[in-house]
Amino acid sequence: MAIAAIGGVAASGGGGDDKKNNSASQHGGQSGKDGGKDSGGKQEEAAKKAFDGDGTFQVGSDIKPGTYRTSGNGVMDGCYWERSKDASGDPDSIIANDNVTGSSYVTVKAGDKVFTTNGCKDWEEVPAKATGTPKTEMSGKGGMYRVGVDIAPGTYKSTGNTEDAGCYWERAKDALHGIDSIAANDNATGNAVVTIAPTDAYFKTNDCTDWKKTS
């Protein structure tokens, strides 16, 4: 069952110092107990560090528009990022944000003014046509995986999820992290089954048991 309009990053994750959590992602808190282990396939085009995981950067001068990736973030790291339309620091300036365990991809647009990142591993620029060796299993605790690069499309199952853990998954059209980016999502208890389409761009998972491809 899809969860429609979604308003806030869950406060359970390490969002810096409880930053203004109003992301379009439903469960951005990513409070996995043993997060930080990426299970995506190795990207064959080695990405270079683009900028540090801590700091506030002006788009166009400090960093250029594009898609970036941070990986290996543990739950205790408190990785938080934010795309903003200005540098006022007001909640209304936030375009999108997230608290990250594991990996995350973010597309910074030319119209963005500021990109803020706290407690994250270094960000790497992602080539538009990156290739990799897609895996058929992935950690469910926390992470964002690029379809066709980190994980293979197909039907995946995650079993034994408890209501207290708050298992959340999301099929995404892009890495903008807006409501319009969500192709489908759900909060799961017990077994979770999702078919990731070849046309999906990314798959996000938080506080779930590990996912395994069944077909």
N, C-alpha and C. Protein backbone atom coordinates (compact mmCIF):
# COMPACT_ATOMS: atom_id res chain seq x y z
N MET A 1 0.85 -1.19 0.00
CA MET A 1 0.00 0.00 0.00
C MET A 1 0.88 1.23 0.00
N ALA A 2 0.67 2.09 -0.95
CA ALA A 2 1.50 3.28 -1.04
C ALA A 2 1.12 4.29 0.03
N ILE A 3 2.14 4.95 0.56
CA ILE A 3 1.91 6.03 1.51
C ILE A 3 1.97 7.32 0.72
N ALA A 4 0.91 8.08 0.70
CA ALA A 4 0.87 9.27 -0.13
C ALA A 4 1.61 10.42 0.53
N ALA A 5 1.09 11.60 0.47
CA ALA A 5 1.80 12.80 0.88
C ALA A 5 2.56 12.60 2.16
N ILE A 6 3.84 12.81 2.09
CA ILE A 6 4.71 12.49 3.19
C ILE A 6 5.44 13.74 3.60
N GLY A 7 5.41 14.05 4.87
CA GLY A 7 5.88 15.36 5.23
C GLY A 7 7.16 15.46 5.96
N GLY A 8 7.64 14.49 6.73
CA GLY A 8 8.79 14.80 7.57
C GLY A 8 9.76 13.67 7.70
N VAL A 9 11.02 14.02 7.81
CA VAL A 9 12.03 13.04 8.16
C VAL A 9 11.80 12.62 9.59
N ALA A 10 11.83 11.33 9.85
CA ALA A 10 11.61 10.85 11.20
C ALA A 10 12.70 11.36 12.11
N ALA A 11 12.33 11.69 13.32
CA ALA A 11 13.29 12.29 14.24
C ALA A 11 14.23 11.27 14.85
N SER A 12 14.04 9.99 14.54
CA SER A 12 14.84 8.96 15.20
C SER A 12 16.24 8.88 14.66
N GLY A 13 16.49 9.41 13.48
CA GLY A 13 17.83 9.30 12.91
C GLY A 13 18.73 10.39 13.42
N GLY A 14 20.03 10.28 13.06
CA GLY A 14 20.98 11.28 13.51
C GLY A 14 21.06 12.42 12.53
N GLY A 15 20.17 13.37 12.60
CA GLY A 15 20.17 14.49 11.67
C GLY A 15 20.96 15.65 12.21
N GLY A 16 22.22 15.47 12.39
CA GLY A 16 23.02 16.54 12.97
C GLY A 16 22.51 16.81 14.37
N ASP A 17 22.04 18.02 14.64
CA ASP A 17 21.48 18.34 15.94
C ASP A 17 19.97 18.49 15.82
N ASP A 18 19.34 17.42 15.30
CA ASP A 18 17.91 17.44 15.07
C ASP A 18 17.53 18.59 14.16
N LYS A 19 18.17 18.61 12.99
CA LYS A 19 17.94 19.67 12.01
C LYS A 19 16.49 19.69 11.60
N LYS A 20 16.11 20.69 10.79
CA LYS A 20 14.73 20.93 10.42
C LYS A 20 14.25 19.79 9.55
N ASN A 21 13.64 18.81 10.18
CA ASN A 21 13.35 17.57 9.50
C ASN A 21 12.02 17.65 8.76
N ASN A 22 12.03 18.22 7.55
CA ASN A 22 10.80 18.30 6.77
C ASN A 22 11.01 17.81 5.36
N SER A 23 11.75 16.71 5.24
CA SER A 23 12.00 16.12 3.94
C SER A 23 10.73 15.54 3.36
N ALA A 24 10.74 15.34 2.03
CA ALA A 24 9.63 14.66 1.39
C ALA A 24 9.70 13.17 1.61
N SER A 25 10.83 12.63 2.08
CA SER A 25 10.94 11.21 2.33
C SER A 25 10.18 10.86 3.60
N GLN A 26 9.47 9.73 3.58
CA GLN A 26 8.60 9.40 4.68
C GLN A 26 9.36 8.99 5.91
N HIS A 27 10.46 8.30 5.74
CA HIS A 27 11.14 7.70 6.89
C HIS A 27 12.61 8.00 6.80
N GLY A 28 12.96 9.25 6.64
CA GLY A 28 14.37 9.60 6.43
C GLY A 28 15.21 9.42 7.65
N GLY A 29 14.62 9.15 8.83
CA GLY A 29 15.40 9.03 10.03
C GLY A 29 16.40 7.91 9.99
N GLN A 30 16.06 6.80 9.35
CA GLN A 30 16.97 5.69 9.16
C GLN A 30 17.70 5.32 10.43
N SER A 31 16.96 4.84 11.40
CA SER A 31 17.57 4.60 12.70
C SER A 31 18.00 3.15 12.88
N GLY A 32 18.51 2.53 11.81
CA GLY A 32 18.96 1.15 11.90
C GLY A 32 20.03 0.99 12.96
N LYS A 33 19.95 -0.10 13.72
CA LYS A 33 20.85 -0.29 14.84
C LYS A 33 22.27 -0.60 14.40
N ASP A 34 22.40 -1.21 13.23
CA ASP A 34 23.75 -1.54 12.79
C ASP A 34 23.95 -1.06 11.36
N GLY A 35 23.49 0.16 11.10
CA GLY A 35 23.60 0.72 9.77
C GLY A 35 25.03 1.04 9.41
N GLY A 36 25.18 1.55 8.18
CA GLY A 36 26.51 1.94 7.74
C GLY A 36 27.17 0.93 6.85
N LYS A 37 26.58 -0.25 6.69
CA LYS A 37 27.16 -1.27 5.82
C LYS A 37 26.44 -1.23 4.49
N ASP A 38 27.12 -0.79 3.47
CA ASP A 38 26.52 -0.72 2.15
C ASP A 38 26.57 -2.09 1.50
N SER A 39 25.46 -2.48 0.86
CA SER A 39 25.42 -3.77 0.19
C SER A 39 25.26 -3.62 -1.30
N GLY A 40 25.41 -2.41 -1.82
CA GLY A 40 25.28 -2.20 -3.25
C GLY A 40 26.49 -2.75 -3.99
N GLY A 41 26.28 -3.04 -5.31
CA GLY A 41 27.38 -3.52 -6.12
C GLY A 41 28.44 -2.46 -6.29
N LYS A 42 29.67 -2.86 -6.47
CA LYS A 42 30.78 -1.92 -6.62
C LYS A 42 30.65 -1.18 -7.94
N GLN A 43 30.68 0.13 -7.89
CA GLN A 43 30.59 0.92 -9.11
C GLN A 43 31.93 0.86 -9.82
N GLU A 44 31.87 0.48 -11.08
CA GLU A 44 33.09 0.22 -11.82
C GLU A 44 33.81 1.50 -12.21
N GLU A 45 33.06 2.60 -12.34
CA GLU A 45 33.71 3.88 -12.60
C GLU A 45 34.04 4.52 -11.27
N ALA A 46 35.32 4.52 -10.91
CA ALA A 46 35.72 5.04 -9.61
C ALA A 46 35.38 6.51 -9.49
N ALA A 47 34.60 6.84 -8.46
CA ALA A 47 34.22 8.23 -8.24
C ALA A 47 35.27 8.90 -7.37
N LYS A 48 35.50 10.17 -7.62
CA LYS A 48 36.47 10.93 -6.84
C LYS A 48 35.73 11.81 -5.84
N LYS A 49 36.40 12.08 -4.73
CA LYS A 49 35.82 12.96 -3.73
C LYS A 49 35.51 14.31 -4.36
N ALA A 50 34.26 14.76 -4.13
CA ALA A 50 33.84 16.06 -4.66
C ALA A 50 33.90 17.13 -3.58
N PHE A 51 33.45 16.77 -2.36
CA PHE A 51 33.51 17.72 -1.24
C PHE A 51 33.34 16.97 0.07
N ASP A 52 33.70 17.65 1.16
CA ASP A 52 33.67 17.04 2.49
C ASP A 52 32.24 16.72 2.94
N GLY A 53 32.18 15.84 3.92
CA GLY A 53 30.89 15.47 4.49
C GLY A 53 30.39 16.42 5.55
N ASP A 54 31.16 17.44 5.86
CA ASP A 54 30.74 18.48 6.79
C ASP A 54 30.94 19.84 6.15
N GLY A 55 29.90 20.65 6.17
CA GLY A 55 30.04 22.00 5.64
C GLY A 55 28.79 22.48 4.95
N THR A 56 28.76 23.77 4.66
CA THR A 56 27.70 24.39 3.89
C THR A 56 28.33 24.97 2.63
N PHE A 57 27.79 24.57 1.48
CA PHE A 57 28.42 24.88 0.20
C PHE A 57 27.45 25.63 -0.71
N GLN A 58 27.95 26.68 -1.35
CA GLN A 58 27.15 27.42 -2.31
C GLN A 58 27.19 26.69 -3.65
N VAL A 59 25.99 26.46 -4.19
CA VAL A 59 25.89 25.75 -5.46
C VAL A 59 26.29 26.70 -6.59
N GLY A 60 27.18 26.22 -7.44
CA GLY A 60 27.65 27.03 -8.55
C GLY A 60 29.03 27.60 -8.32
N SER A 61 29.41 27.80 -7.05
CA SER A 61 30.75 28.31 -6.76
C SER A 61 31.57 27.30 -5.96
N ASP A 62 31.00 26.81 -4.85
CA ASP A 62 31.71 25.79 -4.06
C ASP A 62 31.54 24.39 -4.65
N ILE A 63 30.33 24.09 -5.07
CA ILE A 63 30.06 22.79 -5.71
C ILE A 63 29.21 23.04 -6.94
N LYS A 64 29.32 22.17 -7.91
CA LYS A 64 28.53 22.31 -9.13
C LYS A 64 27.28 21.44 -9.05
N PRO A 65 26.25 21.78 -9.80
CA PRO A 65 25.06 20.92 -9.84
C PRO A 65 25.43 19.53 -10.33
N GLY A 66 24.70 18.53 -9.86
CA GLY A 66 24.97 17.16 -10.27
C GLY A 66 24.47 16.19 -9.23
N THR A 67 24.74 14.92 -9.42
CA THR A 67 24.33 13.88 -8.49
C THR A 67 25.55 13.41 -7.71
N TYR A 68 25.38 13.30 -6.38
CA TYR A 68 26.48 12.95 -5.49
C TYR A 68 26.07 11.78 -4.61
N ARG A 69 27.08 11.07 -4.11
CA ARG A 69 26.85 9.89 -3.28
C ARG A 69 27.76 9.91 -2.06
N THR A 70 27.18 9.59 -0.91
CA THR A 70 27.96 9.34 0.31
C THR A 70 27.65 7.92 0.74
N SER A 71 28.64 7.21 1.25
CA SER A 71 28.42 5.82 1.63
C SER A 71 29.21 5.48 2.89
N GLY A 72 28.79 4.39 3.53
CA GLY A 72 29.49 3.92 4.72
C GLY A 72 29.13 4.67 5.98
N ASN A 73 28.01 5.37 6.00
CA ASN A 73 27.60 6.13 7.18
C ASN A 73 26.95 5.23 8.23
N GLY A 74 27.49 5.27 9.43
CA GLY A 74 26.93 4.50 10.53
C GLY A 74 25.81 5.27 11.23
N VAL A 75 25.00 4.55 11.96
CA VAL A 75 23.87 5.19 12.62
C VAL A 75 24.33 6.23 13.63
N MET A 76 25.51 6.04 14.23
CA MET A 76 26.01 6.98 15.22
C MET A 76 26.73 8.18 14.60
N ASP A 77 26.92 8.16 13.28
CA ASP A 77 27.59 9.28 12.61
C ASP A 77 26.71 10.52 12.55
N GLY A 78 25.40 10.32 12.53
CA GLY A 78 24.49 11.45 12.47
C GLY A 78 24.54 12.18 11.14
N CYS A 79 24.70 11.43 10.04
CA CYS A 79 24.77 12.05 8.72
C CYS A 79 23.45 12.71 8.35
N TYR A 80 23.53 13.99 8.01
CA TYR A 80 22.36 14.77 7.62
C TYR A 80 22.75 15.66 6.44
N TRP A 81 21.85 15.75 5.44
CA TRP A 81 22.09 16.67 4.33
C TRP A 81 20.83 17.49 4.06
N GLU A 82 21.04 18.61 3.36
CA GLU A 82 19.93 19.53 3.11
C GLU A 82 20.17 20.33 1.84
N ARG A 83 19.20 20.33 0.94
CA ARG A 83 19.18 21.21 -0.21
C ARG A 83 18.33 22.43 0.15
N SER A 84 18.85 23.64 -0.10
CA SER A 84 18.13 24.85 0.31
C SER A 84 18.04 25.84 -0.84
N LYS A 85 16.96 26.64 -0.82
CA LYS A 85 16.76 27.64 -1.86
C LYS A 85 17.40 28.98 -1.51
N ASP A 86 17.88 29.11 -0.26
CA ASP A 86 18.64 30.30 0.13
C ASP A 86 19.46 29.96 1.36
N ALA A 87 20.22 30.93 1.86
CA ALA A 87 21.11 30.70 3.00
C ALA A 87 20.57 31.32 4.28
N SER A 88 19.26 31.49 4.36
CA SER A 88 18.66 32.13 5.53
C SER A 88 18.67 31.23 6.76
N GLY A 89 18.68 29.92 6.55
CA GLY A 89 18.59 28.98 7.66
C GLY A 89 17.18 28.75 8.14
N ASP A 90 16.20 29.41 7.50
CA ASP A 90 14.81 29.23 7.89
C ASP A 90 14.28 27.87 7.42
N PRO A 91 13.37 27.27 8.17
CA PRO A 91 12.78 26.00 7.72
C PRO A 91 12.15 26.10 6.33
N ASP A 92 11.59 27.25 6.00
CA ASP A 92 10.94 27.41 4.70
C ASP A 92 11.93 27.41 3.55
N SER A 93 13.21 27.54 3.85
CA SER A 93 14.21 27.55 2.78
C SER A 93 14.58 26.14 2.32
N ILE A 94 14.17 25.12 3.07
CA ILE A 94 14.57 23.75 2.76
C ILE A 94 13.77 23.21 1.58
N ILE A 95 14.47 22.74 0.58
CA ILE A 95 13.86 22.08 -0.57
C ILE A 95 13.67 20.60 -0.28
N ALA A 96 14.70 19.96 0.27
CA ALA A 96 14.66 18.54 0.63
C ALA A 96 15.77 18.28 1.62
N ASN A 97 15.60 17.25 2.47
CA ASN A 97 16.65 16.87 3.41
C ASN A 97 16.48 15.42 3.81
N ASP A 98 17.47 14.89 4.48
CA ASP A 98 17.39 13.49 4.92
C ASP A 98 18.44 13.22 5.98
N ASN A 99 18.13 12.27 6.85
CA ASN A 99 19.09 11.67 7.77
C ASN A 99 19.50 10.33 7.18
N VAL A 100 20.78 10.04 7.15
CA VAL A 100 21.29 8.92 6.37
C VAL A 100 22.00 7.89 7.24
N THR A 101 21.65 6.63 7.05
CA THR A 101 22.45 5.50 7.49
C THR A 101 22.81 4.71 6.24
N GLY A 102 24.05 4.30 6.11
CA GLY A 102 24.48 3.60 4.91
C GLY A 102 24.83 4.58 3.82
N SER A 103 24.17 4.43 2.67
CA SER A 103 24.49 5.28 1.52
C SER A 103 23.32 6.18 1.17
N SER A 104 23.62 7.26 0.47
CA SER A 104 22.58 8.14 -0.04
C SER A 104 23.06 8.78 -1.33
N TYR A 105 22.15 8.96 -2.25
CA TYR A 105 22.38 9.72 -3.46
C TYR A 105 21.55 11.00 -3.38
N VAL A 106 22.10 12.11 -3.84
CA VAL A 106 21.38 13.38 -3.87
C VAL A 106 21.71 14.10 -5.17
N THR A 107 20.68 14.56 -5.85
CA THR A 107 20.88 15.40 -7.02
C THR A 107 20.72 16.86 -6.61
N VAL A 108 21.77 17.62 -6.78
CA VAL A 108 21.76 19.06 -6.50
C VAL A 108 21.47 19.78 -7.82
N LYS A 109 20.41 20.56 -7.84
CA LYS A 109 20.00 21.23 -9.07
C LYS A 109 20.64 22.62 -9.19
N ALA A 110 20.67 23.12 -10.42
CA ALA A 110 21.28 24.42 -10.66
C ALA A 110 20.53 25.53 -9.93
N GLY A 111 19.24 25.33 -9.69
CA GLY A 111 18.45 26.33 -8.99
C GLY A 111 18.63 26.33 -7.48
N ASP A 112 19.27 25.28 -6.94
CA ASP A 112 19.56 25.25 -5.51
C ASP A 112 20.61 26.31 -5.19
N LYS A 113 20.51 26.90 -4.02
CA LYS A 113 21.49 27.92 -3.63
C LYS A 113 22.56 27.38 -2.69
N VAL A 114 22.13 26.47 -1.77
CA VAL A 114 23.04 26.00 -0.73
C VAL A 114 22.83 24.50 -0.53
N PHE A 115 23.92 23.79 -0.31
CA PHE A 115 23.86 22.38 0.08
C PHE A 115 24.61 22.24 1.40
N THR A 116 23.92 21.72 2.42
CA THR A 116 24.50 21.55 3.75
C THR A 116 24.64 20.07 4.06
N THR A 117 25.76 19.69 4.65
CA THR A 117 25.99 18.30 5.01
C THR A 117 26.71 18.26 6.35
N ASN A 118 26.23 17.42 7.25
CA ASN A 118 26.83 17.30 8.59
C ASN A 118 26.98 15.82 8.97
N GLY A 119 28.16 15.45 9.45
CA GLY A 119 28.37 14.09 9.96
C GLY A 119 28.39 13.01 8.91
N CYS A 120 28.52 13.38 7.65
CA CYS A 120 28.50 12.39 6.57
C CYS A 120 29.93 12.04 6.12
N LYS A 121 30.07 10.90 5.51
CA LYS A 121 31.31 10.58 4.82
C LYS A 121 31.43 11.50 3.60
N ASP A 122 32.64 11.61 3.06
CA ASP A 122 32.85 12.49 1.92
C ASP A 122 31.89 12.17 0.78
N TRP A 123 31.51 13.20 0.05
CA TRP A 123 30.61 13.05 -1.10
C TRP A 123 31.42 12.88 -2.37
N GLU A 124 30.98 11.95 -3.21
CA GLU A 124 31.61 11.68 -4.50
C GLU A 124 30.64 12.02 -5.62
N GLU A 125 31.17 12.55 -6.70
CA GLU A 125 30.32 12.83 -7.86
C GLU A 125 30.00 11.53 -8.58
N VAL A 126 28.75 11.37 -8.99
CA VAL A 126 28.30 10.15 -9.65
C VAL A 126 28.21 10.39 -11.15
N PRO A 127 28.94 9.63 -11.95
CA PRO A 127 28.82 9.79 -13.41
C PRO A 127 27.40 9.47 -13.87
N ALA A 128 26.92 10.21 -14.86
CA ALA A 128 25.55 10.01 -15.34
C ALA A 128 25.35 8.59 -15.86
N LYS A 129 26.40 8.01 -16.43
CA LYS A 129 26.28 6.67 -16.99
C LYS A 129 27.15 5.68 -16.21
N ALA A 130 27.11 5.77 -14.89
CA ALA A 130 27.88 4.86 -14.06
C ALA A 130 27.44 3.42 -14.28
N THR A 131 28.40 2.52 -14.25
CA THR A 131 28.11 1.10 -14.38
C THR A 131 28.60 0.39 -13.13
N GLY A 132 28.13 -0.81 -12.92
CA GLY A 132 28.54 -1.57 -11.76
C GLY A 132 28.18 -3.02 -11.90
N THR A 133 28.35 -3.77 -10.84
CA THR A 133 27.96 -5.17 -10.78
C THR A 133 26.79 -5.28 -9.82
N PRO A 134 25.57 -5.19 -10.30
CA PRO A 134 24.40 -5.15 -9.41
C PRO A 134 24.27 -6.42 -8.58
N LYS A 135 23.97 -6.23 -7.31
CA LYS A 135 23.77 -7.36 -6.41
C LYS A 135 22.30 -7.74 -6.33
N THR A 136 22.04 -8.92 -5.80
CA THR A 136 20.68 -9.42 -5.64
C THR A 136 20.29 -9.54 -4.17
N GLU A 137 21.14 -9.03 -3.29
CA GLU A 137 20.84 -8.93 -1.86
C GLU A 137 21.30 -7.57 -1.38
N MET A 138 20.63 -7.04 -0.37
CA MET A 138 21.04 -5.74 0.18
C MET A 138 20.61 -5.64 1.63
N SER A 139 21.38 -4.87 2.38
CA SER A 139 21.05 -4.61 3.76
C SER A 139 19.77 -3.79 3.82
N GLY A 140 18.86 -4.18 4.71
CA GLY A 140 17.62 -3.45 4.86
C GLY A 140 17.68 -2.38 5.92
N LYS A 141 18.77 -2.34 6.69
CA LYS A 141 18.84 -1.43 7.84
C LYS A 141 18.80 0.03 7.42
N GLY A 142 19.49 0.34 6.34
CA GLY A 142 19.49 1.73 5.89
C GLY A 142 20.35 1.88 4.66
N GLY A 143 19.81 2.52 3.64
CA GLY A 143 20.60 2.75 2.46
C GLY A 143 19.74 3.13 1.27
N MET A 144 20.41 3.70 0.27
CA MET A 144 19.78 4.07 -0.99
C MET A 144 20.62 3.46 -2.09
N TYR A 145 20.00 2.70 -2.97
CA TYR A 145 20.71 1.90 -3.95
C TYR A 145 20.29 2.31 -5.36
N ARG A 146 21.27 2.42 -6.23
CA ARG A 146 20.99 2.77 -7.62
C ARG A 146 20.65 1.50 -8.39
N VAL A 147 19.49 1.51 -9.02
CA VAL A 147 19.00 0.33 -9.73
C VAL A 147 19.83 0.13 -11.00
N GLY A 148 20.29 -1.09 -11.19
CA GLY A 148 21.12 -1.42 -12.35
C GLY A 148 22.59 -1.19 -12.12
N VAL A 149 22.94 -0.53 -11.02
CA VAL A 149 24.34 -0.29 -10.67
C VAL A 149 24.68 -0.97 -9.34
N ASP A 150 23.91 -0.63 -8.29
CA ASP A 150 24.11 -1.24 -6.97
C ASP A 150 23.30 -2.52 -6.82
N ILE A 151 22.07 -2.48 -7.29
CA ILE A 151 21.18 -3.64 -7.18
C ILE A 151 20.51 -3.91 -8.52
N ALA A 152 20.18 -5.19 -8.73
CA ALA A 152 19.50 -5.59 -9.96
C ALA A 152 17.99 -5.39 -9.81
N PRO A 153 17.30 -5.02 -10.87
CA PRO A 153 15.84 -4.98 -10.79
C PRO A 153 15.29 -6.38 -10.56
N GLY A 154 14.07 -6.46 -10.07
CA GLY A 154 13.44 -7.75 -9.79
C GLY A 154 12.57 -7.65 -8.55
N THR A 155 12.07 -8.80 -8.11
CA THR A 155 11.22 -8.86 -6.92
C THR A 155 12.05 -9.28 -5.72
N TYR A 156 11.95 -8.50 -4.64
CA TYR A 156 12.73 -8.72 -3.43
C TYR A 156 11.80 -8.95 -2.24
N LYS A 157 12.29 -9.74 -1.29
CA LYS A 157 11.52 -10.02 -0.07
C LYS A 157 12.37 -9.72 1.15
N SER A 158 11.73 -9.12 2.16
CA SER A 158 12.33 -8.88 3.47
C SER A 158 11.38 -9.48 4.50
N THR A 159 11.87 -10.38 5.34
CA THR A 159 10.98 -11.13 6.23
C THR A 159 11.23 -10.79 7.70
N GLY A 160 10.17 -10.94 8.50
CA GLY A 160 10.31 -10.81 9.94
C GLY A 160 10.41 -9.39 10.46
N ASN A 161 9.87 -8.43 9.74
CA ASN A 161 9.91 -7.05 10.19
C ASN A 161 8.90 -6.80 11.30
N THR A 162 9.33 -6.06 12.31
CA THR A 162 8.44 -5.78 13.44
C THR A 162 7.91 -4.36 13.34
N GLU A 163 6.75 -4.15 13.92
CA GLU A 163 6.14 -2.83 13.89
C GLU A 163 7.01 -1.81 14.60
N ASP A 164 7.66 -2.23 15.69
CA ASP A 164 8.50 -1.31 16.46
C ASP A 164 9.71 -0.83 15.64
N ALA A 165 10.23 -1.68 14.79
CA ALA A 165 11.41 -1.30 14.00
C ALA A 165 11.06 -0.23 12.98
N GLY A 166 9.85 -0.30 12.43
CA GLY A 166 9.43 0.73 11.49
C GLY A 166 10.01 0.56 10.10
N CYS A 167 9.98 -0.67 9.58
CA CYS A 167 10.51 -0.94 8.24
C CYS A 167 9.80 -0.07 7.19
N TYR A 168 10.60 0.63 6.40
CA TYR A 168 10.09 1.49 5.33
C TYR A 168 10.89 1.24 4.06
N TRP A 169 10.19 1.15 2.92
CA TRP A 169 10.88 1.06 1.64
C TRP A 169 10.29 2.05 0.65
N GLU A 170 11.10 2.40 -0.35
CA GLU A 170 10.66 3.39 -1.34
C GLU A 170 11.32 3.15 -2.68
N ARG A 171 10.50 3.08 -3.72
CA ARG A 171 10.99 3.08 -5.09
C ARG A 171 11.00 4.53 -5.57
N ALA A 172 12.14 4.99 -6.08
CA ALA A 172 12.29 6.40 -6.41
C ALA A 172 12.60 6.60 -7.89
N LYS A 173 12.05 7.69 -8.45
CA LYS A 173 12.27 8.03 -9.85
C LYS A 173 13.57 8.78 -10.07
N ASP A 174 14.05 9.43 -9.00
CA ASP A 174 15.27 10.23 -9.11
C ASP A 174 15.84 10.44 -7.72
N ALA A 175 16.88 11.25 -7.62
CA ALA A 175 17.53 11.49 -6.33
C ALA A 175 17.29 12.91 -5.83
N LEU A 176 16.15 13.50 -6.21
CA LEU A 176 15.80 14.83 -5.75
C LEU A 176 15.15 14.82 -4.36
N HIS A 177 14.58 13.68 -3.98
CA HIS A 177 14.00 13.48 -2.66
C HIS A 177 12.75 14.33 -2.42
N GLY A 178 12.05 14.67 -3.48
CA GLY A 178 10.77 15.34 -3.34
C GLY A 178 9.63 14.35 -3.36
N ILE A 179 8.44 14.80 -3.03
CA ILE A 179 7.28 13.91 -3.07
C ILE A 179 7.08 13.34 -4.47
N ASP A 180 7.32 14.16 -5.48
CA ASP A 180 7.16 13.69 -6.85
C ASP A 180 8.22 12.67 -7.25
N SER A 181 9.26 12.52 -6.43
CA SER A 181 10.30 11.53 -6.72
C SER A 181 9.85 10.12 -6.39
N ILE A 182 8.83 9.99 -5.56
CA ILE A 182 8.41 8.68 -5.07
C ILE A 182 7.51 7.97 -6.08
N ALA A 183 7.97 6.82 -6.56
CA ALA A 183 7.13 6.00 -7.43
C ALA A 183 6.17 5.16 -6.59
N ALA A 184 6.64 4.65 -5.47
CA ALA A 184 5.81 3.87 -4.55
C ALA A 184 6.58 3.72 -3.25
N ASN A 185 5.85 3.52 -2.14
CA ASN A 185 6.51 3.30 -0.86
C ASN A 185 5.56 2.58 0.08
N ASP A 186 6.10 2.12 1.21
CA ASP A 186 5.25 1.42 2.18
C ASP A 186 5.98 1.30 3.51
N ASN A 187 5.20 1.20 4.58
CA ASN A 187 5.68 0.80 5.89
C ASN A 187 5.26 -0.64 6.09
N ALA A 188 6.21 -1.50 6.40
CA ALA A 188 5.93 -2.94 6.41
C ALA A 188 6.08 -3.54 7.80
N THR A 189 5.19 -4.46 8.11
CA THR A 189 5.30 -5.31 9.29
C THR A 189 5.22 -6.75 8.83
N GLY A 190 6.07 -7.62 9.35
CA GLY A 190 6.11 -9.00 8.89
C GLY A 190 6.88 -9.11 7.60
N ASN A 191 6.30 -9.78 6.60
CA ASN A 191 6.96 -9.92 5.32
C ASN A 191 6.72 -8.68 4.47
N ALA A 192 7.76 -8.29 3.73
CA ALA A 192 7.64 -7.19 2.77
C ALA A 192 8.11 -7.72 1.42
N VAL A 193 7.33 -7.45 0.39
CA VAL A 193 7.68 -7.87 -0.97
C VAL A 193 7.52 -6.66 -1.89
N VAL A 194 8.53 -6.41 -2.70
CA VAL A 194 8.47 -5.28 -3.62
C VAL A 194 9.16 -5.65 -4.93
N THR A 195 8.55 -5.25 -6.03
CA THR A 195 9.17 -5.44 -7.34
C THR A 195 9.80 -4.13 -7.77
N ILE A 196 11.11 -4.15 -7.91
CA ILE A 196 11.88 -2.99 -8.36
C ILE A 196 11.98 -3.07 -9.88
N ALA A 197 11.41 -2.07 -10.55
CA ALA A 197 11.36 -2.08 -12.01
C ALA A 197 12.68 -1.61 -12.61
N PRO A 198 13.00 -2.09 -13.82
CA PRO A 198 14.22 -1.60 -14.48
C PRO A 198 14.19 -0.09 -14.72
N THR A 199 12.99 0.47 -14.78
CA THR A 199 12.86 1.91 -15.00
C THR A 199 12.98 2.72 -13.71
N ASP A 200 12.98 2.06 -12.55
CA ASP A 200 13.21 2.77 -11.29
C ASP A 200 14.65 3.27 -11.26
N ALA A 201 14.85 4.42 -10.66
CA ALA A 201 16.20 4.96 -10.56
C ALA A 201 16.91 4.49 -9.29
N TYR A 202 16.16 4.48 -8.16
CA TYR A 202 16.76 4.15 -6.87
C TYR A 202 15.77 3.38 -6.02
N PHE A 203 16.32 2.68 -5.01
CA PHE A 203 15.51 2.00 -4.01
C PHE A 203 16.06 2.37 -2.64
N LYS A 204 15.18 2.84 -1.76
CA LYS A 204 15.56 3.23 -0.40
C LYS A 204 14.94 2.25 0.59
N THR A 205 15.68 1.94 1.65
CA THR A 205 15.19 1.03 2.68
C THR A 205 15.70 1.48 4.04
N ASN A 206 14.82 1.43 5.03
CA ASN A 206 15.18 1.83 6.40
C ASN A 206 14.59 0.85 7.40
N ASP A 207 15.43 0.39 8.32
CA ASP A 207 14.99 -0.42 9.46
C ASP A 207 14.23 -1.67 9.07
N CYS A 208 14.59 -2.25 7.94
CA CYS A 208 14.02 -3.52 7.50
C CYS A 208 15.05 -4.64 7.70
N THR A 209 14.59 -5.87 7.68
CA THR A 209 15.55 -6.97 7.60
C THR A 209 16.08 -7.02 6.17
N ASP A 210 17.16 -7.77 5.97
CA ASP A 210 17.82 -7.77 4.68
C ASP A 210 16.88 -8.22 3.55
N TRP A 211 17.11 -7.63 2.39
CA TRP A 211 16.31 -7.93 1.21
C TRP A 211 17.04 -8.96 0.35
N LYS A 212 16.29 -9.93 -0.18
CA LYS A 212 16.86 -10.93 -1.09
C LYS A 212 15.95 -11.04 -2.33
N LYS A 213 16.57 -11.12 -3.47
CA LYS A 213 15.83 -11.23 -4.74
C LYS A 213 15.24 -12.62 -4.87
N THR A 214 13.94 -12.67 -5.17
CA THR A 214 13.25 -13.96 -5.31
C THR A 214 12.95 -14.30 -6.76
N SER A 215 12.89 -13.28 -7.60
CA SER A 215 12.64 -13.54 -9.03
C SER A 215 12.99 -12.30 -9.84
